[in-house]
Amino acid sequence: MSNTKTNQVILEVENVKTVAMNNLIKLNESMYSLEKIESQSEELKNNSHSFSKSSKKHKRKIWWNNVKTKVLLVGIIVVGVIIFGLVVGFLFI
């Protein structure tokens, strides 16, 4: 009878060891997953900073292009008005 209890205790100990090993394996996998997630979040942070800088630079470039276009249009209109004024002025002289 004592041999049966000893075998039963040994079997329970083996079951506990198996559960403990499985828990350690899961813990190790979780740690790996957390490290991977942390690495990905750091990469996203760096990419977002880079994107922010490049988008601001692009915004400024577009703004300057708009300013140049408006100045050019105003210049063309002014030259057109001057030419029109000269032509109309010569016709009425």
PDB file of N, CA and C in Angstrom:
ATOM      1  N   MET A   1       0.804  -1.183   0.000  1.00  0.00           N
ATOM      2  CA  MET A   1       0.000   0.000   0.000  1.00  0.00           C
ATOM      3  C   MET A   1       0.852   1.253   0.000  1.00  0.00           C
ATOM      4  N   SER A   2       1.924   1.221   0.726  1.00  0.00           N
ATOM      5  CA  SER A   2       2.830   2.347   0.786  1.00  0.00           C
ATOM      6  C   SER A   2       3.490   2.569  -0.563  1.00  0.00           C
ATOM      7  N   ASN A   3       3.719   1.465  -1.270  1.00  0.00           N
ATOM      8  CA  ASN A   3       4.305   1.546  -2.603  1.00  0.00           C
ATOM      9  C   ASN A   3       3.342   2.255  -3.555  1.00  0.00           C
ATOM     10  N   THR A   4       2.060   2.043  -3.426  1.00  0.00           N
ATOM     11  CA  THR A   4       1.055   2.681  -4.259  1.00  0.00           C
ATOM     12  C   THR A   4       0.995   4.168  -3.960  1.00  0.00           C
ATOM     13  N   LYS A   5       1.041   4.525  -2.677  1.00  0.00           N
ATOM     14  CA  LYS A   5       1.025   5.952  -2.308  1.00  0.00           C
ATOM     15  C   LYS A   5       2.290   6.634  -2.806  1.00  0.00           C
ATOM     16  N   THR A   6       3.414   5.940  -2.711  1.00  0.00           N
ATOM     17  CA  THR A   6       4.673   6.513  -3.186  1.00  0.00           C
ATOM     18  C   THR A   6       4.592   6.746  -4.693  1.00  0.00           C
ATOM     19  N   ASN A   7       4.073   5.775  -5.405  1.00  0.00           N
ATOM     20  CA  ASN A   7       3.921   5.922  -6.866  1.00  0.00           C
ATOM     21  C   ASN A   7       2.956   7.065  -7.199  1.00  0.00           C
ATOM     22  N   GLN A   8       1.895   7.177  -6.410  1.00  0.00           N
ATOM     23  CA  GLN A   8       0.925   8.245  -6.637  1.00  0.00           C
ATOM     24  C   GLN A   8       1.567   9.612  -6.383  1.00  0.00           C
ATOM     25  N   VAL A   9       2.363   9.739  -5.346  1.00  0.00           N
ATOM     26  CA  VAL A   9       3.051  11.002  -5.041  1.00  0.00           C
ATOM     27  C   VAL A   9       4.058  11.312  -6.139  1.00  0.00           C
ATOM     28  N   ILE A  10       4.787  10.288  -6.571  1.00  0.00           N
ATOM     29  CA  ILE A  10       5.769  10.494  -7.652  1.00  0.00           C
ATOM     30  C   ILE A  10       5.047  10.950  -8.922  1.00  0.00           C
ATOM     31  N   LEU A  11       3.918  10.365  -9.239  1.00  0.00           N
ATOM     32  CA  LEU A  11       3.132  10.750 -10.418  1.00  0.00           C
ATOM     33  C   LEU A  11       2.642  12.196 -10.286  1.00  0.00           C
ATOM     34  N   GLU A  12       2.174  12.583  -9.108  1.00  0.00           N
ATOM     35  CA  GLU A  12       1.729  13.960  -8.883  1.00  0.00           C
ATOM     36  C   GLU A  12       2.896  14.941  -9.016  1.00  0.00           C
ATOM     37  N   VAL A  13       4.053  14.550  -8.486  1.00  0.00           N
ATOM     38  CA  VAL A  13       5.244  15.403  -8.609  1.00  0.00           C
ATOM     39  C   VAL A  13       5.617  15.566 -10.076  1.00  0.00           C
ATOM     40  N   GLU A  14       5.558  14.502 -10.838  1.00  0.00           N
ATOM     41  CA  GLU A  14       5.863  14.563 -12.270  1.00  0.00           C
ATOM     42  C   GLU A  14       4.854  15.469 -12.989  1.00  0.00           C
ATOM     43  N   ASN A  15       3.590  15.367 -12.603  1.00  0.00           N
ATOM     44  CA  ASN A  15       2.563  16.238 -13.199  1.00  0.00           C
ATOM     45  C   ASN A  15       2.836  17.705 -12.867  1.00  0.00           C
ATOM     46  N   VAL A  16       3.214  17.965 -11.627  1.00  0.00           N
ATOM     47  CA  VAL A  16       3.537  19.344 -11.214  1.00  0.00           C
ATOM     48  C   VAL A  16       4.755  19.837 -11.987  1.00  0.00           C
ATOM     49  N   LYS A  17       5.768  18.991 -12.157  1.00  0.00           N
ATOM     50  CA  LYS A  17       6.961  19.376 -12.924  1.00  0.00           C
ATOM     51  C   LYS A  17       6.588  19.688 -14.366  1.00  0.00           C
ATOM     52  N   THR A  18       5.697  18.872 -14.946  1.00  0.00           N
ATOM     53  CA  THR A  18       5.272  19.096 -16.332  1.00  0.00           C
ATOM     54  C   THR A  18       4.533  20.430 -16.452  1.00  0.00           C
ATOM     55  N   VAL A  19       3.632  20.686 -15.514  1.00  0.00           N
ATOM     56  CA  VAL A  19       2.896  21.955 -15.529  1.00  0.00           C
ATOM     57  C   VAL A  19       3.858  23.127 -15.352  1.00  0.00           C
ATOM     58  N   ALA A  20       4.799  22.981 -14.433  1.00  0.00           N
ATOM     59  CA  ALA A  20       5.778  24.047 -14.197  1.00  0.00           C
ATOM     60  C   ALA A  20       6.626  24.292 -15.443  1.00  0.00           C
ATOM     61  N   MET A  21       7.059  23.232 -16.110  1.00  0.00           N
ATOM     62  CA  MET A  21       7.862  23.378 -17.336  1.00  0.00           C
ATOM     63  C   MET A  21       7.038  24.058 -18.432  1.00  0.00           C
ATOM     64  N   ASN A  22       5.777  23.644 -18.565  1.00  0.00           N
ATOM     65  CA  ASN A  22       4.906  24.279 -19.562  1.00  0.00           C
ATOM     66  C   ASN A  22       4.717  25.762 -19.249  1.00  0.00           C
ATOM     67  N   ASN A  23       4.563  26.092 -17.982  1.00  0.00           N
ATOM     68  CA  ASN A  23       4.424  27.496 -17.584  1.00  0.00           C
ATOM     69  C   ASN A  23       5.690  28.286 -17.885  1.00  0.00           C
ATOM     70  N   LEU A  24       6.848  27.691 -17.667  1.00  0.00           N
ATOM     71  CA  LEU A  24       8.114  28.361 -17.978  1.00  0.00           C
ATOM     72  C   LEU A  24       8.260  28.579 -19.480  1.00  0.00           C
ATOM     73  N   ILE A  25       7.848  27.580 -20.262  1.00  0.00           N
ATOM     74  CA  ILE A  25       7.904  27.721 -21.725  1.00  0.00           C
ATOM     75  C   ILE A  25       6.989  28.855 -22.169  1.00  0.00           C
ATOM     76  N   LYS A  26       5.770  28.895 -21.620  1.00  0.00           N
ATOM     77  CA  LYS A  26       4.830  29.968 -21.966  1.00  0.00           C
ATOM     78  C   LYS A  26       5.362  31.327 -21.530  1.00  0.00           C
ATOM     79  N   LEU A  27       5.985  31.371 -20.363  1.00  0.00           N
ATOM     80  CA  LEU A  27       6.572  32.619 -19.868  1.00  0.00           C
ATOM     81  C   LEU A  27       7.678  33.090 -20.811  1.00  0.00           C
ATOM     82  N   ASN A  28       8.508  32.165 -21.249  1.00  0.00           N
ATOM     83  CA  ASN A  28       9.588  32.491 -22.173  1.00  0.00           C
ATOM     84  C   ASN A  28       9.016  33.024 -23.488  1.00  0.00           C
ATOM     85  N   GLU A  29       7.974  32.376 -23.990  1.00  0.00           N
ATOM     86  CA  GLU A  29       7.332  32.837 -25.227  1.00  0.00           C
ATOM     87  C   GLU A  29       6.723  34.219 -25.042  1.00  0.00           C
ATOM     88  N   SER A  30       6.120  34.441 -23.878  1.00  0.00           N
ATOM     89  CA  SER A  30       5.531  35.752 -23.595  1.00  0.00           C
ATOM     90  C   SER A  30       6.603  36.829 -23.536  1.00  0.00           C
ATOM     91  N   MET A  31       7.730  36.518 -22.925  1.00  0.00           N
ATOM     92  CA  MET A  31       8.829  37.480 -22.848  1.00  0.00           C
ATOM     93  C   MET A  31       9.331  37.821 -24.248  1.00  0.00           C
ATOM     94  N   TYR A  32       9.457  36.793 -25.093  1.00  0.00           N
ATOM     95  CA  TYR A  32       9.891  37.030 -26.468  1.00  0.00           C
ATOM     96  C   TYR A  32       8.885  37.917 -27.185  1.00  0.00           C
ATOM     97  N   SER A  33       7.588  37.630 -26.997  1.00  0.00           N
ATOM     98  CA  SER A  33       6.546  38.441 -27.632  1.00  0.00           C
ATOM     99  C   SER A  33       6.597  39.878 -27.138  1.00  0.00           C
ATOM    100  N   LEU A  34       6.805  40.062 -25.851  1.00  0.00           N
ATOM    101  CA  LEU A  34       6.879  41.417 -25.303  1.00  0.00           C
ATOM    102  C   LEU A  34       8.083  42.165 -25.861  1.00  0.00           C
ATOM    103  N   GLU A  35       9.208  41.495 -25.972  1.00  0.00           N
ATOM    104  CA  GLU A  35      10.401  42.131 -26.535  1.00  0.00           C
ATOM    105  C   GLU A  35      10.156  42.512 -27.990  1.00  0.00           C
ATOM    106  N   LYS A  36       9.483  41.630 -28.717  1.00  0.00           N
ATOM    107  CA  LYS A  36       9.179  41.911 -30.123  1.00  0.00           C
ATOM    108  C   LYS A  36       8.236  43.103 -30.240  1.00  0.00           C
ATOM    109  N   ILE A  37       7.212  43.143 -29.399  1.00  0.00           N
ATOM    110  CA  ILE A  37       6.268  44.263 -29.409  1.00  0.00           C
ATOM    111  C   ILE A  37       6.979  45.565 -29.027  1.00  0.00           C
ATOM    112  N   GLU A  38       7.852  45.491 -28.039  1.00  0.00           N
ATOM    113  CA  GLU A  38       8.604  46.683 -27.622  1.00  0.00           C
ATOM    114  C   GLU A  38       9.486  47.183 -28.759  1.00  0.00           C
ATOM    115  N   SER A  39      10.125  46.275 -29.455  1.00  0.00           N
ATOM    116  CA  SER A  39      10.973  46.647 -30.583  1.00  0.00           C
ATOM    117  C   SER A  39      10.145  47.293 -31.694  1.00  0.00           C
ATOM    118  N   GLN A  40       8.990  46.708 -31.976  1.00  0.00           N
ATOM    119  CA  GLN A  40       8.125  47.262 -33.016  1.00  0.00           C
ATOM    120  C   GLN A  40       7.602  48.641 -32.625  1.00  0.00           C
ATOM    121  N   SER A  41       7.267  48.818 -31.360  1.00  0.00           N
ATOM    122  CA  SER A  41       6.768  50.126 -30.932  1.00  0.00           C
ATOM    123  C   SER A  41       7.863  51.188 -31.014  1.00  0.00           C
ATOM    124  N   GLU A  42       9.089  50.804 -30.696  1.00  0.00           N
ATOM    125  CA  GLU A  42      10.214  51.744 -30.815  1.00  0.00           C
ATOM    126  C   GLU A  42      10.429  52.122 -32.281  1.00  0.00           C
ATOM    127  N   GLU A  43      10.313  51.139 -33.156  1.00  0.00           N
ATOM    128  CA  GLU A  43      10.466  51.403 -34.593  1.00  0.00           C
ATOM    129  C   GLU A  43       9.350  52.319 -35.087  1.00  0.00           C
ATOM    130  N   LEU A  44       8.116  52.083 -34.632  1.00  0.00           N
ATOM    131  CA  LEU A  44       7.001  52.953 -35.016  1.00  0.00           C
ATOM    132  C   LEU A  44       7.213  54.379 -34.521  1.00  0.00           C
ATOM    133  N   LYS A  45       7.737  54.503 -33.318  1.00  0.00           N
ATOM    134  CA  LYS A  45       8.010  55.833 -32.762  1.00  0.00           C
ATOM    135  C   LYS A  45       9.022  56.567 -33.629  1.00  0.00           C
ATOM    136  N   ASN A  46      10.102  55.877 -34.004  1.00  0.00           N
ATOM    137  CA  ASN A  46      11.120  56.497 -34.846  1.00  0.00           C
ATOM    138  C   ASN A  46      10.557  56.849 -36.224  1.00  0.00           C
ATOM    139  N   ASN A  47       9.755  55.950 -36.787  1.00  0.00           N
ATOM    140  CA  ASN A  47       9.168  56.215 -38.102  1.00  0.00           C
ATOM    141  C   ASN A  47       8.195  57.387 -38.047  1.00  0.00           C
ATOM    142  N   SER A  48       7.429  57.489 -36.973  1.00  0.00           N
ATOM    143  CA  SER A  48       6.475  58.591 -36.868  1.00  0.00           C
ATOM    144  C   SER A  48       7.202  59.925 -36.745  1.00  0.00           C
ATOM    145  N   HIS A  49       8.321  59.933 -36.012  1.00  0.00           N
ATOM    146  CA  HIS A  49       9.106  61.167 -35.890  1.00  0.00           C
ATOM    147  C   HIS A  49       9.657  61.580 -37.257  1.00  0.00           C
ATOM    148  N   SER A  50      10.171  60.607 -37.982  1.00  0.00           N
ATOM    149  CA  SER A  50      10.705  60.877 -39.313  1.00  0.00           C
ATOM    150  C   SER A  50       9.603  61.363 -40.250  1.00  0.00           C
ATOM    151  N   PHE A  51       8.437  60.730 -40.177  1.00  0.00           N
ATOM    152  CA  PHE A  51       7.311  61.135 -41.014  1.00  0.00           C
ATOM    153  C   PHE A  51       6.877  62.559 -40.685  1.00  0.00           C
ATOM    154  N   SER A  52       6.845  62.882 -39.409  1.00  0.00           N
ATOM    155  CA  SER A  52       6.444  64.225 -38.993  1.00  0.00           C
ATOM    156  C   SER A  52       7.388  65.279 -39.561  1.00  0.00           C
ATOM    157  N   LYS A  53       8.687  65.009 -39.460  1.00  0.00           N
ATOM    158  CA  LYS A  53       9.668  65.963 -39.989  1.00  0.00           C
ATOM    159  C   LYS A  53       9.532  66.115 -41.492  1.00  0.00           C
ATOM    160  N   SER A  54       9.406  65.001 -42.205  1.00  0.00           N
ATOM    161  CA  SER A  54       9.326  65.080 -43.666  1.00  0.00           C
ATOM    162  C   SER A  54       8.018  65.719 -44.111  1.00  0.00           C
ATOM    163  N   SER A  55       6.923  65.493 -43.383  1.00  0.00           N
ATOM    164  CA  SER A  55       5.650  66.106 -43.772  1.00  0.00           C
ATOM    165  C   SER A  55       5.696  67.622 -43.564  1.00  0.00           C
ATOM    166  N   LYS A  56       6.340  68.072 -42.491  1.00  0.00           N
ATOM    167  CA  LYS A  56       6.478  69.521 -42.274  1.00  0.00           C
ATOM    168  C   LYS A  56       7.332  70.140 -43.375  1.00  0.00           C
ATOM    169  N   LYS A  57       8.403  69.459 -43.742  1.00  0.00           N
ATOM    170  CA  LYS A  57       9.277  69.952 -44.810  1.00  0.00           C
ATOM    171  C   LYS A  57       8.501  70.034 -46.126  1.00  0.00           C
ATOM    172  N   HIS A  58       7.712  69.005 -46.407  1.00  0.00           N
ATOM    173  CA  HIS A  58       6.918  68.978 -47.637  1.00  0.00           C
ATOM    174  C   HIS A  58       5.857  70.083 -47.619  1.00  0.00           C
ATOM    175  N   LYS A  59       5.258  70.309 -46.461  1.00  0.00           N
ATOM    176  CA  LYS A  59       4.244  71.367 -46.328  1.00  0.00           C
ATOM    177  C   LYS A  59       4.848  72.732 -46.637  1.00  0.00           C
ATOM    178  N   ARG A  60       6.058  72.990 -46.083  1.00  0.00           N
ATOM    179  CA  ARG A  60       6.736  74.264 -46.359  1.00  0.00           C
ATOM    180  C   ARG A  60       7.064  74.407 -47.839  1.00  0.00           C
ATOM    181  N   LYS A  61       7.496  73.316 -48.470  1.00  0.00           N
ATOM    182  CA  LYS A  61       7.839  73.348 -49.893  1.00  0.00           C
ATOM    183  C   LYS A  61       6.605  73.684 -50.732  1.00  0.00           C
ATOM    184  N   ILE A  62       5.488  73.070 -50.425  1.00  0.00           N
ATOM    185  CA  ILE A  62       4.253  73.350 -51.156  1.00  0.00           C
ATOM    186  C   ILE A  62       3.812  74.791 -50.928  1.00  0.00           C
ATOM    187  N   TRP A  63       3.940  75.275 -49.684  1.00  0.00           N
ATOM    188  CA  TRP A  63       3.569  76.651 -49.392  1.00  0.00           C
ATOM    189  C   TRP A  63       4.395  77.619 -50.231  1.00  0.00           C
ATOM    190  N   TRP A  64       5.722  77.402 -50.303  1.00  0.00           N
ATOM    191  CA  TRP A  64       6.585  78.278 -51.107  1.00  0.00           C
ATOM    192  C   TRP A  64       6.216  78.202 -52.584  1.00  0.00           C
ATOM    193  N   ASN A  65       5.897  77.018 -53.063  1.00  0.00           N
ATOM    194  CA  ASN A  65       5.482  76.907 -54.465  1.00  0.00           C
ATOM    195  C   ASN A  65       4.208  77.700 -54.716  1.00  0.00           C
ATOM    196  N   ASN A  66       3.268  77.670 -53.765  1.00  0.00           N
ATOM    197  CA  ASN A  66       2.041  78.464 -53.905  1.00  0.00           C
ATOM    198  C   ASN A  66       2.345  79.952 -53.905  1.00  0.00           C
ATOM    199  N   VAL A  67       3.246  80.384 -53.025  1.00  0.00           N
ATOM    200  CA  VAL A  67       3.622  81.806 -52.975  1.00  0.00           C
ATOM    201  C   VAL A  67       4.266  82.222 -54.300  1.00  0.00           C
ATOM    202  N   LYS A  68       5.181  81.405 -54.809  1.00  0.00           N
ATOM    203  CA  LYS A  68       5.836  81.722 -56.085  1.00  0.00           C
ATOM    204  C   LYS A  68       4.822  81.819 -57.212  1.00  0.00           C
ATOM    205  N   THR A  69       3.859  80.890 -57.214  1.00  0.00           N
ATOM    206  CA  THR A  69       2.834  80.897 -58.259  1.00  0.00           C
ATOM    207  C   THR A  69       1.984  82.162 -58.173  1.00  0.00           C
ATOM    208  N   LYS A  70       1.591  82.552 -56.984  1.00  0.00           N
ATOM    209  CA  LYS A  70       0.779  83.763 -56.814  1.00  0.00           C
ATOM    210  C   LYS A  70       1.546  85.013 -57.229  1.00  0.00           C
ATOM    211  N   VAL A  71       2.825  85.085 -56.852  1.00  0.00           N
ATOM    212  CA  VAL A  71       3.649  86.238 -57.247  1.00  0.00           C
ATOM    213  C   VAL A  71       3.779  86.296 -58.763  1.00  0.00           C
ATOM    214  N   LEU A  72       3.983  85.148 -59.396  1.00  0.00           N
ATOM    215  CA  LEU A  72       4.096  85.095 -60.853  1.00  0.00           C
ATOM    216  C   LEU A  72       2.794  85.542 -61.514  1.00  0.00           C
ATOM    217  N   LEU A  73       1.661  85.066 -61.004  1.00  0.00           N
ATOM    218  CA  LEU A  73       0.368  85.473 -61.579  1.00  0.00           C
ATOM    219  C   LEU A  73       0.134  86.975 -61.420  1.00  0.00           C
ATOM    220  N   VAL A  74       0.448  87.506 -60.252  1.00  0.00           N
ATOM    221  CA  VAL A  74       0.287  88.949 -60.036  1.00  0.00           C
ATOM    222  C   VAL A  74       1.200  89.718 -60.995  1.00  0.00           C
ATOM    223  N   GLY A  75       2.423  89.249 -61.173  1.00  0.00           N
ATOM    224  CA  GLY A  75       3.351  89.900 -62.103  1.00  0.00           C
ATOM    225  C   GLY A  75       2.831  89.874 -63.530  1.00  0.00           C
ATOM    226  N   ILE A  76       2.288  88.727 -63.939  1.00  0.00           N
ATOM    227  CA  ILE A  76       1.741  88.620 -65.307  1.00  0.00           C
ATOM    228  C   ILE A  76       0.551  89.559 -65.470  1.00  0.00           C
ATOM    229  N   ILE A  77      -0.300  89.627 -64.451  1.00  0.00           N
ATOM    230  CA  ILE A  77      -1.468  90.529 -64.531  1.00  0.00           C
ATOM    231  C   ILE A  77      -1.019  91.983 -64.597  1.00  0.00           C
ATOM    232  N   VAL A  78      -0.035  92.349 -63.783  1.00  0.00           N
ATOM    233  CA  VAL A  78       0.468  93.732 -63.789  1.00  0.00           C
ATOM    234  C   VAL A  78       1.058  94.066 -65.164  1.00  0.00           C
ATOM    235  N   VAL A  79       1.876  93.163 -65.695  1.00  0.00           N
ATOM    236  CA  VAL A  79       2.462  93.403 -67.024  1.00  0.00           C
ATOM    237  C   VAL A  79       1.355  93.481 -68.069  1.00  0.00           C
ATOM    238  N   GLY A  80       0.355  92.622 -67.953  1.00  0.00           N
ATOM    239  CA  GLY A  80      -0.772  92.670 -68.903  1.00  0.00           C
ATOM    240  C   GLY A  80      -1.532  93.980 -68.837  1.00  0.00           C
ATOM    241  N   VAL A  81      -1.753  94.461 -67.616  1.00  0.00           N
ATOM    242  CA  VAL A  81      -2.468  95.741 -67.452  1.00  0.00           C
ATOM    243  C   VAL A  81      -1.632  96.877 -68.030  1.00  0.00           C
ATOM    244  N   ILE A  82      -0.327  96.844 -67.800  1.00  0.00           N
ATOM    245  CA  ILE A  82       0.551  97.896 -68.339  1.00  0.00           C
ATOM    246  C   ILE A  82       0.526  97.866 -69.862  1.00  0.00           C
ATOM    247  N   ILE A  83       0.653  96.667 -70.422  1.00  0.00           N
ATOM    248  CA  ILE A  83       0.637  96.552 -71.895  1.00  0.00           C
ATOM    249  C   ILE A  83      -0.726  96.997 -72.430  1.00  0.00           C
ATOM    250  N   PHE A  84      -1.781  96.571 -71.775  1.00  0.00           N
ATOM    251  CA  PHE A  84      -3.128  96.974 -72.211  1.00  0.00           C
ATOM    252  C   PHE A  84      -3.278  98.488 -72.141  1.00  0.00           C
ATOM    253  N   GLY A  85      -2.776  99.082 -71.044  1.00  0.00           N
ATOM    254  CA  GLY A  85      -2.852 100.531 -70.899  1.00  0.00           C
ATOM    255  C   GLY A  85      -2.061 101.252 -71.973  1.00  0.00           C
ATOM    256  N   LEU A  86      -0.905 100.717 -72.328  1.00  0.00           N
ATOM    257  CA  LEU A  86      -0.104 101.346 -73.370  1.00  0.00           C
ATOM    258  C   LEU A  86      -0.786 101.246 -74.736  1.00  0.00           C
ATOM    259  N   VAL A  87      -1.343 100.071 -75.011  1.00  0.00           N
ATOM    260  CA  VAL A  87      -2.008  99.860 -76.302  1.00  0.00           C
ATOM    261  C   VAL A  87      -3.251 100.741 -76.388  1.00  0.00           C
ATOM    262  N   VAL A  88      -4.058 100.764 -75.370  1.00  0.00           N
ATOM    263  CA  VAL A  88      -5.269 101.577 -75.372  1.00  0.00           C
ATOM    264  C   VAL A  88      -4.893 103.060 -75.394  1.00  0.00           C
ATOM    265  N   GLY A  89      -3.828 103.411 -74.705  1.00  0.00           N
ATOM    266  CA  GLY A  89      -3.391 104.807 -74.701  1.00  0.00           C
ATOM    267  C   GLY A  89      -2.922 105.247 -76.084  1.00  0.00           C
ATOM    268  N   PHE A  90      -2.256 104.366 -76.815  1.00  0.00           N
ATOM    269  CA  PHE A  90      -1.801 104.723 -78.157  1.00  0.00           C
ATOM    270  C   PHE A  90      -2.968 104.830 -79.118  1.00  0.00           C
ATOM    271  N   LEU A  91      -4.000 104.033 -78.889  1.00  0.00           N
ATOM    272  CA  LEU A  91      -5.151 104.094 -79.786  1.00  0.00           C
ATOM    273  C   LEU A  91      -5.911 105.414 -79.651  1.00  0.00           C
ATOM    274  N   PHE A  92      -5.915 105.958 -78.449  1.00  0.00           N
ATOM    275  CA  PHE A  92      -6.683 107.190 -78.237  1.00  0.00           C
ATOM    276  C   PHE A  92      -5.838 108.438 -78.402  1.00  0.00           C
ATOM    277  N   ILE A  93      -4.584 108.306 -78.770  1.00  0.00           N
ATOM    278  CA  ILE A  93      -3.731 109.484 -78.917  1.00  0.00           C
ATOM    279  C   ILE A  93      -3.910 110.074 -80.283  1.00  0.00           C
TER     280      ILE A  93
END
